[in-house]
Protein backbone atom coordinates (compact mmCIF):
# COMPACT_ATOMS: atom_id res chain seq x y z
CA MET A 1 -0.09 -0.11 0.11
CA ALA A 2 1.60 3.37 -1.07
CA ALA A 3 1.35 5.36 1.67
CA GLU A 4 0.61 8.97 0.37
CA THR A 5 -2.18 7.90 -2.00
CA GLY A 6 -3.64 4.70 -0.51
CA GLN A 7 -3.84 2.62 -3.12
CA THR A 8 -3.05 -0.79 -4.06
CA ASP A 9 0.31 -2.45 -5.83
CA VAL A 10 -1.16 -4.84 -7.16
CA VAL A 11 -4.80 -4.74 -9.30
CA THR A 12 -7.34 -6.76 -7.48
CA ASP A 13 -11.09 -7.37 -8.69
CA PRO A 14 -12.78 -4.44 -9.11
CA ILE A 15 -15.73 -4.78 -7.09
CA GLU A 16 -13.85 -6.14 -4.02
CA SER A 17 -11.18 -3.56 -4.49
CA LEU A 18 -14.19 -1.16 -3.83
CA ARG A 19 -15.64 -3.46 -1.03
CA GLU A 20 -12.06 -3.58 0.70
CA GLN A 21 -11.80 0.78 0.34
CA VAL A 22 -15.61 1.13 1.68
CA ALA A 23 -14.72 -0.92 4.63
CA ARG A 24 -11.92 1.04 5.83
CA THR A 25 -13.45 4.21 5.22
CA ARG A 26 -15.01 6.51 8.30
CA HIS A 27 -14.93 9.67 6.52
CA VAL A 28 -15.53 10.21 3.27
CA LEU A 29 -14.35 14.34 1.69
CA PHE A 30 -16.35 14.57 -1.63
CA ASP A 31 -15.96 17.31 -4.35
CA PHE A 32 -18.51 18.78 -5.49
CA ASP A 33 -18.54 19.97 -9.63
CA GLY A 34 -18.49 16.69 -10.84
CA PRO A 35 -18.90 13.87 -8.53
CA ILE A 36 -22.23 15.61 -6.92
CA CYS A 37 -23.66 17.68 -9.65
CA GLN A 38 -22.55 18.48 -12.88
CA LEU A 39 -22.34 22.30 -11.92
CA PHE A 40 -22.35 23.71 -15.36
CA ALA A 41 -24.75 21.31 -17.12
CA GLY A 42 -27.23 24.48 -18.13
CA TYR A 43 -24.99 26.93 -17.83
CA SER A 44 -21.19 26.37 -18.92
CA ALA A 45 -17.70 26.71 -17.58
CA ALA A 46 -16.81 28.57 -20.83
CA ASP A 47 -20.10 30.59 -19.96
CA ILE A 48 -18.72 31.47 -16.89
CA ALA A 49 -15.24 32.40 -17.79
CA GLU A 50 -16.53 34.91 -20.98
CA ALA A 51 -18.68 36.60 -18.11
CA GLN A 52 -15.05 37.09 -16.10
CA VAL A 53 -14.19 38.56 -19.09
CA LYS A 54 -17.22 41.31 -19.48
CA TRP A 55 -16.77 41.75 -15.60
CA LEU A 56 -13.43 42.83 -16.07
CA GLU A 57 -14.48 44.66 -19.32
CA VAL A 58 -16.57 46.63 -16.91
CA GLN A 59 -14.04 47.14 -14.26
CA GLY A 60 -11.96 48.76 -17.04
CA ARG A 61 -9.28 45.92 -16.46
CA ASP A 62 -9.41 43.57 -19.29
CA GLY A 63 -6.16 44.73 -20.40
CA LEU A 64 -4.95 43.07 -17.68
CA LEU A 65 -5.65 39.57 -19.29
CA THR A 66 -3.30 38.12 -21.70
CA GLU A 67 -4.85 36.87 -24.93
CA GLN A 68 -4.53 32.92 -23.86
CA GLU A 69 -6.53 33.88 -20.51
CA ARG A 70 -9.14 36.15 -22.11
CA PHE A 71 -10.38 33.14 -24.41
CA SER A 72 -10.05 30.56 -21.29
CA ARG A 73 -13.14 27.93 -20.62
CA ASP A 74 -12.01 27.78 -17.44
CA PRO A 75 -13.24 30.22 -15.05
CA HIS A 76 -11.14 29.05 -11.77
CA GLY A 77 -7.62 29.69 -13.44
CA VAL A 78 -8.79 32.57 -14.46
CA LEU A 79 -9.00 33.61 -11.05
CA GLY A 80 -6.41 31.99 -9.75
CA THR A 81 -3.93 33.81 -12.09
CA PHE A 82 -5.46 37.11 -10.98
CA ALA A 83 -4.87 35.93 -7.68
CA ALA A 84 -1.47 34.99 -7.72
CA ARG A 85 -0.99 38.49 -9.30
CA TYR A 86 -2.56 40.48 -7.72
CA SER A 87 -3.35 38.73 -4.04
CA GLY A 88 -5.47 40.26 -2.07
CA SER A 89 -6.58 42.98 -4.29
CA ASP A 90 -10.41 45.15 -4.42
CA LEU A 91 -9.93 43.50 -8.26
CA VAL A 92 -9.05 39.25 -6.88
CA ILE A 93 -11.96 40.21 -4.22
CA GLY A 94 -14.88 41.66 -6.59
CA LEU A 95 -13.60 38.57 -9.19
CA GLU A 96 -14.62 36.00 -6.76
CA ALA A 97 -17.61 37.55 -5.98
CA HIS A 98 -18.69 37.48 -9.61
CA LEU A 99 -17.93 34.02 -9.53
CA THR A 100 -20.16 32.90 -6.84
CA ARG A 101 -22.68 34.78 -7.63
CA GLU A 102 -22.26 33.00 -11.14
CA GLU A 103 -21.89 29.83 -9.79
CA LEU A 104 -25.33 30.14 -7.91
CA ARG A 105 -27.10 30.91 -10.60
CA ALA A 106 -25.66 27.20 -12.33
CA ALA A 107 -26.72 25.85 -9.00
CA LYS A 108 -30.39 25.87 -9.75
CA ASP A 109 -30.16 23.92 -13.42
CA ALA A 110 -27.37 21.54 -11.83
CA TYR A 111 -28.05 18.42 -12.53
CA PRO A 112 -27.09 15.49 -10.14
CA THR A 113 -24.41 12.85 -10.37
CA PRO A 114 -26.77 9.87 -10.97
CA HIS A 115 -26.52 7.28 -8.42
CA VAL A 116 -25.11 10.24 -5.68
CA ASP A 117 -28.11 11.01 -3.51
CA VAL A 118 -28.73 7.71 -2.79
CA LEU A 119 -25.00 6.77 -2.42
CA ILE A 120 -24.95 10.21 0.05
CA GLN A 121 -27.54 8.69 2.38
CA THR A 122 -26.53 5.39 2.58
CA TRP A 123 -23.31 5.87 3.46
CA VAL A 124 -24.75 8.64 6.66
CA ALA A 125 -27.04 5.79 7.22
CA VAL A 126 -24.21 2.81 7.86
CA GLY A 127 -22.14 5.99 10.01
CA ALA A 128 -19.58 7.25 7.75
CA ARG A 129 -19.37 10.96 8.34
CA LEU A 130 -18.94 13.37 4.93
CA ALA A 131 -17.74 16.51 3.57
CA ILE A 132 -17.00 18.40 0.87
CA VAL A 133 -13.85 19.81 -0.30
CA THR A 134 -14.37 22.13 -3.17
CA ASN A 135 -12.64 25.02 -5.31
CA ASN A 136 -16.09 26.33 -5.45
CA SER A 137 -17.72 28.29 -2.92
CA ALA A 138 -19.43 26.79 0.00
CA ARG A 139 -22.72 28.43 -0.31
CA THR A 140 -23.39 27.00 -3.70
CA VAL A 141 -22.67 23.89 -2.53
CA ALA A 142 -25.43 24.70 0.95
CA ASP A 143 -27.61 26.03 -2.13
CA TYR A 144 -27.44 23.29 -4.30
CA LEU A 145 -27.36 20.52 -1.45
CA GLY A 146 -30.35 22.08 0.72
CA ARG A 147 -32.04 22.13 -3.05
CA ARG A 148 -31.97 18.31 -3.36
CA LYS A 149 -32.62 17.82 0.34
CA LEU A 150 -28.93 16.74 1.21
CA LEU A 151 -27.62 19.62 3.46
CA SER A 152 -28.18 17.82 6.98
CA CYS A 153 -25.70 15.29 5.46
CA PHE A 154 -22.77 17.17 5.00
CA ALA A 155 -23.34 20.60 7.12
CA PRO A 156 -21.41 22.11 8.90
CA HIS A 157 -18.84 20.22 6.86
CA ILE A 158 -18.75 22.12 3.49
CA TYR A 159 -15.00 23.46 2.77
CA GLY A 160 -15.01 25.42 -0.38
CA ARG A 161 -12.93 28.21 -1.84
CA VAL A 162 -12.11 31.35 0.78
CA ALA A 163 -11.76 34.66 -1.59
CA ASP A 164 -8.45 36.26 0.53
CA GLU A 165 -6.79 32.46 1.12
CA LEU A 166 -6.99 31.76 -3.00
CA HIS A 167 -3.51 30.63 -3.46
CA HIS A 168 -5.29 27.06 -1.68
CA LEU A 169 -7.05 26.26 -4.21
CA LYS A 170 -6.67 22.56 -5.12
CA PRO A 171 -4.03 21.02 -5.75
CA HIS A 172 -3.27 22.63 -2.78
CA PRO A 173 -4.60 20.56 -0.05
CA ALA A 174 -6.41 23.01 3.05
CA THR A 175 -9.38 22.58 2.53
CA LEU A 176 -8.57 18.78 2.84
CA TYR A 177 -7.23 19.68 6.04
CA ARG A 178 -9.60 21.82 7.17
CA ALA A 179 -12.25 18.75 6.56
CA LEU A 180 -10.33 16.24 8.55
CA ARG A 181 -9.50 18.63 11.41
CA ALA A 182 -12.65 19.62 11.72
CA MET A 183 -14.05 15.68 11.98
CA GLY A 184 -11.25 14.32 13.53
CA ALA A 185 -10.17 12.19 11.04
CA ALA A 186 -7.20 10.10 10.55
CA PRO A 187 -6.35 10.18 6.79
CA ALA A 188 -6.18 6.75 7.08
CA SER A 189 -9.56 6.15 7.49
CA SER A 190 -10.66 8.68 5.08
CA LEU A 191 -11.36 8.81 0.99
CA MET A 192 -11.83 11.09 -1.59
CA ILE A 193 -13.81 11.08 -4.19
CA GLY A 194 -13.12 13.47 -7.11
CA ASP A 195 -13.08 14.00 -10.82
CA SER A 196 -10.09 16.00 -11.88
CA ASP A 197 -6.03 15.77 -10.97
CA SER A 198 -5.82 18.65 -8.66
CA ASP A 199 -8.50 16.64 -6.43
CA PHE A 200 -5.79 13.56 -6.46
CA LEU A 201 -2.87 15.85 -5.90
CA ALA A 202 -4.57 17.33 -2.95
CA ALA A 203 -5.73 13.94 -1.43
CA ARG A 204 -2.39 12.44 -2.16
CA ALA A 205 -0.52 15.17 -0.32
CA ALA A 206 -2.82 15.30 2.91
CA GLY A 207 -2.43 11.32 3.15
CA VAL A 208 -6.22 10.42 2.12
CA ARG A 209 -6.98 7.33 0.18
CA PHE A 210 -8.72 8.61 -3.51
CA LEU A 211 -11.32 7.31 -5.67
CA GLY A 212 -11.73 8.85 -9.14
CA TYR A 213 -14.78 9.58 -10.93
CA ALA A 214 -14.80 10.24 -14.73
CA ARG A 215 -17.60 9.60 -17.32
CA LYS A 216 -15.29 10.73 -20.19
CA PRO A 217 -12.60 9.47 -21.53
CA GLY A 218 -10.35 12.95 -21.20
CA LYS A 219 -11.44 12.64 -17.65
CA ARG A 220 -10.09 9.40 -17.00
CA GLN A 221 -7.36 9.49 -18.81
CA ALA A 222 -6.41 12.50 -16.96
CA LEU A 223 -6.61 11.13 -13.88
CA LEU A 224 -4.25 8.17 -15.46
CA ASP A 225 -1.51 10.95 -16.25
CA ALA A 226 -1.81 12.10 -12.85
CA GLY A 227 -0.87 9.22 -11.14
CA VAL A 228 -4.08 7.40 -10.09
CA ARG A 229 -4.44 3.28 -11.00
CA PRO A 230 -7.33 2.49 -13.61
CA GLU A 231 -9.34 -0.07 -10.68
CA ASN A 232 -9.51 3.27 -8.52
CA ILE A 233 -11.62 4.93 -11.37
CA LEU A 234 -15.35 4.37 -11.66
CA ASP A 235 -17.14 5.88 -14.96
CA SER A 236 -20.50 5.22 -12.36
CA LEU A 237 -21.16 5.93 -8.67
CA GLU A 238 -23.45 2.64 -8.85
CA PRO A 239 -21.06 0.03 -8.02
CA LEU A 240 -19.90 2.22 -5.30
CA LEU A 241 -23.18 2.41 -3.88
CA THR A 242 -23.34 -1.53 -4.13
CA ALA A 243 -20.44 -1.74 -1.85
CA VAL A 244 -21.69 0.63 0.52
CA ARG A 245 -25.32 -1.36 1.11
CA ALA A 246 -23.04 -3.92 1.55
CA GLN A 247 -21.50 -2.19 5.01
CA GLY A 248 -25.61 -2.01 6.19
């Protein structure tokens, strides 16, 4: 077993591997956009990135963007770039607030990830404690979970983007450390479920085991390239739900 990733050195039967992972898990750290819902299902991330550029234009600050940044499809990338250049500035705080408003708007039409609602409820029912660790706004997460009647499964353990700590966005493990400390959780008994290489890198840095969720080939390849083993990547949460139910 690799200490920093919790991933086995030998490929085992996928179902048995999941059961073993679940049996060792007392605390579950979920990323939000991807494993919990498709946040930008009705309002794409590219649309939000474009809205950020327009907001900067209104502020008369769009000249600070490079040509590549102007056409970026990643709103967190634009925010992270500005945070690195102008840390703590009113511009960065304003841009973060604008992104939060756009995420709240997107959350109204977000599409739940198949099987995740029942997975969350079942995992709580068998005694696990759950947290959200995300680069999205905690307000966005709470709004979405409230709409799905799932907020009580996580509250108060929702750890999201903080305007004056944008250098702590994943892959920095800060949100994971906050969750582990608050829940009194040992990394060895914790499992993170995420859909990006930054999720995996944050989990590895925190010493937390990792399961990747990837419905698209590109997502799967990005996880493989980051070092996630194939048996620890799921294209559906249904087998994980089956493994959790077996713990009941």
